[in-house]
Amino acid sequence: MEEKNFFLPDHENEKIVIFARRHFASMLGAIVIVLVMFLTPIILWLAVKMSNFTIFPEGSLPFLIIGVSIYYLIVVTYAFTEWVSYYYSYLAVTENDIIDINQRGIFNRHITEVSLLRVQDVSAQIKGFIPTFFSYGDVIAESAGENTRTYVIDNIPKPMEVANKILDMHNEHIAREERAAEIITAEGDLRKQVIGAPANIVQPLSSSTPPCPPFSPITTAPPPHTEGDINQNDLNQGGEIKF
């Protein structure tokens, strides 16, 4: 699923191939806590109202209202913090990088970024009844290099499909790098062959080479005249012919 790239201002020129937020079921614990905290004062008030039992002295109503208001302000703040942590925590895989953004509260954000070329292995795991029922889990990526690191991206919907897609993109990057290396190697070999070619294949004319003589027509001398032969000049002059 593609998303607009305003989620990643540092990668605005790259296409987002995978975009996934945490599964909504991972928020069930926080939702239950908020509901319990929200309903507890109401249930207590109904219980006191129905039993006609007064636990607060007279004149304490204004203080009770202030206390309940502060209590619900805390509940709303907790719910808003949990929603911000959910909405601004997501996984984004661009054409070149894996970016995991984990929002922890309102003012705390942890960003992990790893290149697809450095990915060595990607796996997925689903643990627990609720993750199995809703089909969400963790994506685990290991990076190659001198300092091998493990990146855990938790609560991702369909983690196996995401892991397979990341592996396919990694393999495409490796194949592309290998083809580029082969092309560079072939160009280098060809350049060496051209530079190392024998010098006698093509020899340019130097200034010491004598110039060719100018063209002159080939003339043949007439055969010597002998007695008894007819000379063409004699015929042209009309003289006597001697035998």
C-alpha atoms as a PDB file:
ATOM      1  CA  MET A   1       0.000   0.000   0.000  1.00  0.00           C
ATOM      2  CA  GLU A   2       1.444   3.328  -1.072  1.00  0.00           C
ATOM      3  CA  GLU A   3       1.203   6.482   1.037  1.00  0.00           C
ATOM      4  CA  LYS A   4       2.163  10.062   0.425  1.00  0.00           C
ATOM      5  CA  ASN A   5       5.716  10.791   1.302  1.00  0.00           C
ATOM      6  CA  PHE A   6       4.984  13.601   3.772  1.00  0.00           C
ATOM      7  CA  PHE A   7       5.433  10.938   6.457  1.00  0.00           C
ATOM      8  CA  LEU A   8       9.141  10.830   5.513  1.00  0.00           C
ATOM      9  CA  PRO A   9      10.370  14.371   4.817  1.00  0.00           C
ATOM     10  CA  ASP A  10      13.974  13.159   4.521  1.00  0.00           C
ATOM     11  CA  HIS A  11      12.975  10.725   1.738  1.00  0.00           C
ATOM     12  CA  GLU A  12      10.547  12.861  -0.226  1.00  0.00           C
ATOM     13  CA  ASN A  13      12.141  11.881  -3.545  1.00  0.00           C
ATOM     14  CA  GLU A  14      11.777   8.157  -2.890  1.00  0.00           C
ATOM     15  CA  LYS A  15       8.739   5.999  -3.486  1.00  0.00           C
ATOM     16  CA  ILE A  16       7.231   4.279  -0.447  1.00  0.00           C
ATOM     17  CA  VAL A  17       6.729   0.608  -1.282  1.00  0.00           C
ATOM     18  CA  ILE A  18       5.462  -0.596   2.118  1.00  0.00           C
ATOM     19  CA  PHE A  19       3.638   1.516   4.691  1.00  0.00           C
ATOM     20  CA  ALA A  20       2.139  -0.100   7.790  1.00  0.00           C
ATOM     21  CA  ARG A  21       1.009   1.161  11.185  1.00  0.00           C
ATOM     22  CA  ARG A  22       0.784  -0.949  14.289  1.00  0.00           C
ATOM     23  CA  HIS A  23      -2.217  -3.249  14.287  1.00  0.00           C
ATOM     24  CA  PHE A  24      -5.227  -1.734  16.071  1.00  0.00           C
ATOM     25  CA  ALA A  25      -5.518  -4.856  18.236  1.00  0.00           C
ATOM     26  CA  SER A  26      -2.235  -3.924  19.892  1.00  0.00           C
ATOM     27  CA  MET A  27      -4.153  -0.998  21.406  1.00  0.00           C
ATOM     28  CA  LEU A  28      -6.689  -3.234  23.172  1.00  0.00           C
ATOM     29  CA  GLY A  29      -4.851  -3.013  26.496  1.00  0.00           C
ATOM     30  CA  ALA A  30      -4.812   0.791  26.451  1.00  0.00           C
ATOM     31  CA  ILE A  31      -8.452   0.912  25.318  1.00  0.00           C
ATOM     32  CA  VAL A  32      -9.547  -1.311  28.207  1.00  0.00           C
ATOM     33  CA  ILE A  33      -7.617   0.830  30.715  1.00  0.00           C
ATOM     34  CA  VAL A  34      -9.174   4.034  29.396  1.00  0.00           C
ATOM     35  CA  LEU A  35     -12.678   2.564  29.532  1.00  0.00           C
ATOM     36  CA  VAL A  36     -12.214   1.337  33.106  1.00  0.00           C
ATOM     37  CA  MET A  37     -10.810   4.688  34.210  1.00  0.00           C
ATOM     38  CA  PHE A  38     -13.617   6.540  32.466  1.00  0.00           C
ATOM     39  CA  LEU A  39     -16.444   4.402  33.857  1.00  0.00           C
ATOM     40  CA  THR A  40     -15.192   3.993  37.432  1.00  0.00           C
ATOM     41  CA  PRO A  41     -16.421   7.390  38.757  1.00  0.00           C
ATOM     42  CA  ILE A  42     -19.766   6.936  37.027  1.00  0.00           C
ATOM     43  CA  ILE A  43     -20.251   3.477  38.518  1.00  0.00           C
ATOM     44  CA  LEU A  44     -19.343   4.759  41.996  1.00  0.00           C
ATOM     45  CA  TRP A  45     -21.753   7.662  41.683  1.00  0.00           C
ATOM     46  CA  LEU A  46     -24.578   5.358  40.574  1.00  0.00           C
ATOM     47  CA  ALA A  47     -23.847   2.976  43.433  1.00  0.00           C
ATOM     48  CA  VAL A  48     -23.986   5.782  45.997  1.00  0.00           C
ATOM     49  CA  LYS A  49     -27.110   7.229  44.408  1.00  0.00           C
ATOM     50  CA  MET A  50     -28.955   3.938  44.475  1.00  0.00           C
ATOM     51  CA  SER A  51     -27.951   3.082  48.082  1.00  0.00           C
ATOM     52  CA  ASN A  52     -28.882   6.531  49.444  1.00  0.00           C
ATOM     53  CA  PHE A  53     -25.629   6.431  51.374  1.00  0.00           C
ATOM     54  CA  THR A  54     -23.785   9.693  51.757  1.00  0.00           C
ATOM     55  CA  ILE A  55     -19.996   9.426  51.979  1.00  0.00           C
ATOM     56  CA  PHE A  56     -19.223  13.075  51.339  1.00  0.00           C
ATOM     57  CA  PRO A  57     -20.034  15.786  53.878  1.00  0.00           C
ATOM     58  CA  GLU A  58     -22.176  18.744  53.025  1.00  0.00           C
ATOM     59  CA  GLY A  59     -20.438  21.548  51.153  1.00  0.00           C
ATOM     60  CA  SER A  60     -17.925  19.228  49.513  1.00  0.00           C
ATOM     61  CA  LEU A  61     -19.664  19.274  46.128  1.00  0.00           C
ATOM     62  CA  PRO A  62     -17.431  21.996  44.586  1.00  0.00           C
ATOM     63  CA  PHE A  63     -14.304  20.122  45.666  1.00  0.00           C
ATOM     64  CA  LEU A  64     -15.785  16.905  44.346  1.00  0.00           C
ATOM     65  CA  ILE A  65     -16.423  18.515  40.966  1.00  0.00           C
ATOM     66  CA  ILE A  66     -12.858  19.855  40.800  1.00  0.00           C
ATOM     67  CA  GLY A  67     -11.417  16.464  41.749  1.00  0.00           C
ATOM     68  CA  VAL A  68     -13.495  14.615  39.155  1.00  0.00           C
ATOM     69  CA  SER A  69     -12.526  17.167  36.496  1.00  0.00           C
ATOM     70  CA  ILE A  70      -8.835  16.686  37.248  1.00  0.00           C
ATOM     71  CA  TYR A  71      -9.328  12.921  37.179  1.00  0.00           C
ATOM     72  CA  TYR A  72     -10.983  12.977  33.759  1.00  0.00           C
ATOM     73  CA  LEU A  73      -8.315  15.368  32.479  1.00  0.00           C
ATOM     74  CA  ILE A  74      -5.741  12.738  33.419  1.00  0.00           C
ATOM     75  CA  VAL A  75      -7.796  10.060  31.657  1.00  0.00           C
ATOM     76  CA  VAL A  76      -8.092  12.147  28.486  1.00  0.00           C
ATOM     77  CA  THR A  77      -4.360  12.950  28.540  1.00  0.00           C
ATOM     78  CA  TYR A  78      -3.511   9.258  28.869  1.00  0.00           C
ATOM     79  CA  ALA A  79      -5.873   8.350  26.005  1.00  0.00           C
ATOM     80  CA  PHE A  80      -4.455  11.108  23.788  1.00  0.00           C
ATOM     81  CA  THR A  81      -0.882   9.998  24.532  1.00  0.00           C
ATOM     82  CA  GLU A  82      -1.715   6.414  23.595  1.00  0.00           C
ATOM     83  CA  TRP A  83      -3.387   7.551  20.384  1.00  0.00           C
ATOM     84  CA  VAL A  84      -0.365   9.688  19.410  1.00  0.00           C
ATOM     85  CA  SER A  85       1.944   6.740  20.119  1.00  0.00           C
ATOM     86  CA  TYR A  86      -0.197   4.542  17.863  1.00  0.00           C
ATOM     87  CA  TYR A  87      -0.772   6.966  14.999  1.00  0.00           C
ATOM     88  CA  TYR A  88       2.816   8.203  14.659  1.00  0.00           C
ATOM     89  CA  SER A  89       4.441   4.776  14.982  1.00  0.00           C
ATOM     90  CA  TYR A  90       4.763   3.085  11.620  1.00  0.00           C
ATOM     91  CA  LEU A  91       6.979   1.098   9.290  1.00  0.00           C
ATOM     92  CA  ALA A  92       7.953   2.570   5.921  1.00  0.00           C
ATOM     93  CA  VAL A  93      10.024   0.742   3.308  1.00  0.00           C
ATOM     94  CA  THR A  94      11.238   2.905   0.449  1.00  0.00           C
ATOM     95  CA  GLU A  95      13.109   1.813  -2.644  1.00  0.00           C
ATOM     96  CA  ASN A  96      16.398   1.931  -0.719  1.00  0.00           C
ATOM     97  CA  ASP A  97      15.786   1.922   3.049  1.00  0.00           C
ATOM     98  CA  ILE A  98      13.789   0.386   5.881  1.00  0.00           C
ATOM     99  CA  ILE A  99      12.550   3.058   8.289  1.00  0.00           C
ATOM    100  CA  ASP A 100      10.901   2.180  11.599  1.00  0.00           C
ATOM    101  CA  ILE A 101       9.457   5.078  13.594  1.00  0.00           C
ATOM    102  CA  ASN A 102       8.421   4.327  17.154  1.00  0.00           C
ATOM    103  CA  GLN A 103       6.585   7.144  18.902  1.00  0.00           C
ATOM    104  CA  ARG A 104       6.874   6.891  22.675  1.00  0.00           C
ATOM    105  CA  GLY A 105       4.518   9.420  24.158  1.00  0.00           C
ATOM    106  CA  ILE A 106       4.094  12.933  22.843  1.00  0.00           C
ATOM    107  CA  PHE A 107       7.653  14.232  22.940  1.00  0.00           C
ATOM    108  CA  ASN A 108       9.705  11.079  22.424  1.00  0.00           C
ATOM    109  CA  ARG A 109      10.308   9.525  19.018  1.00  0.00           C
ATOM    110  CA  HIS A 110      12.767   6.752  18.141  1.00  0.00           C
ATOM    111  CA  ILE A 111      13.720   6.360  14.450  1.00  0.00           C
ATOM    112  CA  THR A 112      15.589   3.353  13.091  1.00  0.00           C
ATOM    113  CA  GLU A 113      16.836   3.318   9.501  1.00  0.00           C
ATOM    114  CA  VAL A 114      18.748   0.588   7.682  1.00  0.00           C
ATOM    115  CA  SER A 115      19.666   0.217   4.017  1.00  0.00           C
ATOM    116  CA  LEU A 116      18.142  -2.651   2.060  1.00  0.00           C
ATOM    117  CA  LEU A 117      21.627  -3.581   0.847  1.00  0.00           C
ATOM    118  CA  ARG A 118      22.765  -4.158   4.440  1.00  0.00           C
ATOM    119  CA  VAL A 119      19.882  -6.473   5.297  1.00  0.00           C
ATOM    120  CA  GLN A 120      21.172  -9.983   5.842  1.00  0.00           C
ATOM    121  CA  ASP A 121      18.072 -11.819   7.024  1.00  0.00           C
ATOM    122  CA  VAL A 122      14.413 -10.963   7.619  1.00  0.00           C
ATOM    123  CA  SER A 123      12.005 -13.112   9.631  1.00  0.00           C
ATOM    124  CA  ALA A 124       8.591 -12.797  11.270  1.00  0.00           C
ATOM    125  CA  GLN A 125       7.072 -14.115  14.469  1.00  0.00           C
ATOM    126  CA  ILE A 126       3.559 -14.189  15.934  1.00  0.00           C
ATOM    127  CA  LYS A 127       3.262 -14.929  19.642  1.00  0.00           C
ATOM    128  CA  GLY A 128       0.147 -15.012  21.801  1.00  0.00           C
ATOM    129  CA  PHE A 129      -3.558 -15.665  21.357  1.00  0.00           C
ATOM    130  CA  ILE A 130      -4.598 -12.130  20.368  1.00  0.00           C
ATOM    131  CA  PRO A 131      -1.778 -11.638  17.786  1.00  0.00           C
ATOM    132  CA  THR A 132      -2.551 -15.054  16.308  1.00  0.00           C
ATOM    133  CA  PHE A 133      -6.291 -14.324  16.155  1.00  0.00           C
ATOM    134  CA  PHE A 134      -5.802 -10.905  14.516  1.00  0.00           C
ATOM    135  CA  SER A 135      -2.770 -12.007  12.441  1.00  0.00           C
ATOM    136  CA  TYR A 136      -0.181  -9.469  13.512  1.00  0.00           C
ATOM    137  CA  GLY A 137       3.301  -9.825  14.943  1.00  0.00           C
ATOM    138  CA  ASP A 138       6.925  -8.730  14.773  1.00  0.00           C
ATOM    139  CA  VAL A 139       9.255  -8.336  11.798  1.00  0.00           C
ATOM    140  CA  ILE A 140      12.894  -9.036  12.683  1.00  0.00           C
ATOM    141  CA  ALA A 141      15.641  -7.748  10.366  1.00  0.00           C
ATOM    142  CA  GLU A 142      19.344  -8.439  10.784  1.00  0.00           C
ATOM    143  CA  SER A 143      21.911  -6.180   9.165  1.00  0.00           C
ATOM    144  CA  ALA A 144      25.222  -7.320   7.718  1.00  0.00           C
ATOM    145  CA  GLY A 145      28.569  -5.646   8.264  1.00  0.00           C
ATOM    146  CA  GLU A 146      31.176  -5.294  10.944  1.00  0.00           C
ATOM    147  CA  ASN A 147      28.593  -4.511  13.635  1.00  0.00           C
ATOM    148  CA  THR A 148      25.674  -6.881  13.118  1.00  0.00           C
ATOM    149  CA  ARG A 149      22.465  -5.456  14.542  1.00  0.00           C
ATOM    150  CA  THR A 150      18.955  -6.826  14.967  1.00  0.00           C
ATOM    151  CA  TYR A 151      15.961  -4.582  14.325  1.00  0.00           C
ATOM    152  CA  VAL A 152      12.586  -5.598  15.765  1.00  0.00           C
ATOM    153  CA  ILE A 153       9.512  -3.937  14.252  1.00  0.00           C
ATOM    154  CA  ASP A 154       6.634  -4.931  16.488  1.00  0.00           C
ATOM    155  CA  ASN A 155       2.879  -5.328  16.023  1.00  0.00           C
ATOM    156  CA  ILE A 156       2.892  -5.204  12.208  1.00  0.00           C
ATOM    157  CA  PRO A 157      -0.146  -6.595  10.323  1.00  0.00           C
ATOM    158  CA  LYS A 158       0.673  -9.672   8.210  1.00  0.00           C
ATOM    159  CA  PRO A 159       4.337  -9.784   9.274  1.00  0.00           C
ATOM    160  CA  MET A 160       5.221 -12.762   7.055  1.00  0.00           C
ATOM    161  CA  GLU A 161       4.116 -10.974   3.888  1.00  0.00           C
ATOM    162  CA  VAL A 162       6.046  -7.878   4.905  1.00  0.00           C
ATOM    163  CA  ALA A 163       9.196  -9.927   5.614  1.00  0.00           C
ATOM    164  CA  ASN A 164       8.961 -11.700   2.225  1.00  0.00           C
ATOM    165  CA  LYS A 165       8.513  -8.391   0.399  1.00  0.00           C
ATOM    166  CA  ILE A 166      11.563  -6.912   2.126  1.00  0.00           C
ATOM    167  CA  LEU A 167      13.636  -9.982   1.173  1.00  0.00           C
ATOM    168  CA  ASP A 168      12.514  -9.706  -2.460  1.00  0.00           C
ATOM    169  CA  MET A 169      13.520  -6.044  -2.560  1.00  0.00           C
ATOM    170  CA  HIS A 170      16.879  -6.907  -0.968  1.00  0.00           C
ATOM    171  CA  ASN A 171      17.538  -9.584  -3.613  1.00  0.00           C
ATOM    172  CA  GLU A 172      16.641  -7.121  -6.381  1.00  0.00           C
ATOM    173  CA  HIS A 173      19.165  -4.632  -4.987  1.00  0.00           C
ATOM    174  CA  ILE A 174      21.877  -7.316  -4.842  1.00  0.00           C
ATOM    175  CA  ALA A 175      21.184  -8.407  -8.431  1.00  0.00           C
ATOM    176  CA  ARG A 176      21.273  -4.785  -9.589  1.00  0.00           C
ATOM    177  CA  GLU A 177      24.598  -4.164  -7.838  1.00  0.00           C
ATOM    178  CA  GLU A 178      26.092  -7.316  -9.379  1.00  0.00           C
ATOM    179  CA  ARG A 179      25.006  -6.286 -12.881  1.00  0.00           C
ATOM    180  CA  ALA A 180      26.485  -2.829 -12.387  1.00  0.00           C
ATOM    181  CA  ALA A 181      29.772  -4.367 -11.186  1.00  0.00           C
ATOM    182  CA  GLU A 182      29.886  -6.660 -14.223  1.00  0.00           C
ATOM    183  CA  ILE A 183      29.333  -3.724 -16.587  1.00  0.00           C
ATOM    184  CA  ILE A 184      32.092  -1.697 -14.926  1.00  0.00           C
ATOM    185  CA  THR A 185      34.472  -4.663 -15.094  1.00  0.00           C
ATOM    186  CA  ALA A 186      33.696  -5.249 -18.776  1.00  0.00           C
ATOM    187  CA  GLU A 187      34.280  -1.590 -19.614  1.00  0.00           C
ATOM    188  CA  GLY A 188      37.596  -1.665 -17.767  1.00  0.00           C
ATOM    189  CA  ASP A 189      38.751  -4.770 -19.668  1.00  0.00           C
ATOM    190  CA  LEU A 190      37.768  -3.212 -22.982  1.00  0.00           C
ATOM    191  CA  ARG A 191      39.658  -0.018 -22.139  1.00  0.00           C
ATOM    192  CA  LYS A 192      42.772  -2.043 -21.294  1.00  0.00           C
ATOM    193  CA  GLN A 193      42.554  -3.904 -24.610  1.00  0.00           C
ATOM    194  CA  VAL A 194      42.294  -0.664 -26.577  1.00  0.00           C
ATOM    195  CA  ILE A 195      45.168   0.963 -24.716  1.00  0.00           C
ATOM    196  CA  GLY A 196      47.383  -2.123 -25.034  1.00  0.00           C
ATOM    197  CA  ALA A 197      46.810  -2.676 -28.765  1.00  0.00           C
ATOM    198  CA  PRO A 198      50.033  -3.036 -30.968  1.00  0.00           C
ATOM    199  CA  ALA A 199      51.344   0.238 -32.308  1.00  0.00           C
ATOM    200  CA  ASN A 200      52.064  -1.126 -35.817  1.00  0.00           C
ATOM    201  CA  ILE A 201      48.359  -1.595 -36.596  1.00  0.00           C
ATOM    202  CA  VAL A 202      47.982   2.066 -37.518  1.00  0.00           C
ATOM    203  CA  GLN A 203      51.075   4.135 -38.277  1.00  0.00           C
ATOM    204  CA  PRO A 204      50.499   7.838 -38.963  1.00  0.00           C
ATOM    205  CA  LEU A 205      52.636   9.652 -41.514  1.00  0.00           C
ATOM    206  CA  SER A 206      55.613  11.378 -39.995  1.00  0.00           C
ATOM    207  CA  SER A 207      57.463  14.416 -41.238  1.00  0.00           C
ATOM    208  CA  SER A 208      60.505  12.272 -42.112  1.00  0.00           C
ATOM    209  CA  THR A 209      58.606  10.223 -44.670  1.00  0.00           C
ATOM    210  CA  PRO A 210      59.679  11.339 -48.191  1.00  0.00           C
ATOM    211  CA  PRO A 211      56.816  12.689 -50.267  1.00  0.00           C
ATOM    212  CA  CYS A 212      55.618  10.724 -53.251  1.00  0.00           C
ATOM    213  CA  PRO A 213      56.924  12.004 -56.675  1.00  0.00           C
ATOM    214  CA  PRO A 214      54.437  13.960 -58.746  1.00  0.00           C
ATOM    215  CA  PHE A 215      52.497  11.995 -61.337  1.00  0.00           C
ATOM    216  CA  SER A 216      53.897  12.069 -64.868  1.00  0.00           C
ATOM    217  CA  PRO A 217      52.539  10.287 -67.941  1.00  0.00           C
ATOM    218  CA  ILE A 218      54.458   7.255 -69.186  1.00  0.00           C
ATOM    219  CA  THR A 219      56.056   7.883 -72.578  1.00  0.00           C
ATOM    220  CA  THR A 220      57.811   5.360 -74.755  1.00  0.00           C
ATOM    221  CA  ALA A 221      60.599   6.226 -77.156  1.00  0.00           C
ATOM    222  CA  PRO A 222      59.998   5.348 -80.816  1.00  0.00           C
ATOM    223  CA  PRO A 223      61.883   2.288 -82.095  1.00  0.00           C
ATOM    224  CA  PRO A 224      65.111   3.012 -84.028  1.00  0.00           C
ATOM    225  CA  HIS A 225      64.764   3.362 -87.774  1.00  0.00           C
ATOM    226  CA  THR A 226      66.370   0.650 -89.910  1.00  0.00           C
ATOM    227  CA  GLU A 227      66.775   0.443 -93.590  1.00  0.00           C
ATOM    228  CA  GLY A 228      63.859  -1.219 -95.324  1.00  0.00           C
ATOM    229  CA  ASP A 229      61.359  -0.182 -92.664  1.00  0.00           C
ATOM    230  CA  ILE A 230      58.601   2.289 -93.317  1.00  0.00           C
ATOM    231  CA  ASN A 231      58.784   5.238 -91.029  1.00  0.00           C
ATOM    232  CA  GLN A 232      55.528   6.981 -90.085  1.00  0.00           C
ATOM    233  CA  ASN A 233      57.250  10.356 -90.417  1.00  0.00           C
ATOM    234  CA  ASP A 234      58.235   9.522 -93.978  1.00  0.00           C
ATOM    235  CA  LEU A 235      54.606   8.788 -94.812  1.00  0.00           C
ATOM    236  CA  ASN A 236      53.495  12.028 -93.273  1.00  0.00           C
ATOM    237  CA  GLN A 237      56.117  14.020 -95.212  1.00  0.00           C
ATOM    238  CA  GLY A 238      55.229  12.339 -98.533  1.00  0.00           C
ATOM    239  CA  GLY A 239      58.873  11.495 -99.361  1.00  0.00           C
ATOM    240  CA  GLU A 240      60.146   8.581-101.294  1.00  0.00           C
ATOM    241  CA  ILE A 241      60.102   5.178 -99.804  1.00  0.00           C
ATOM    242  CA  LYS A 242      63.382   3.399 -99.998  1.00  0.00           C
ATOM    243  CA  PHE A 243      63.687  -0.363 -99.865  1.00  0.00           C
END
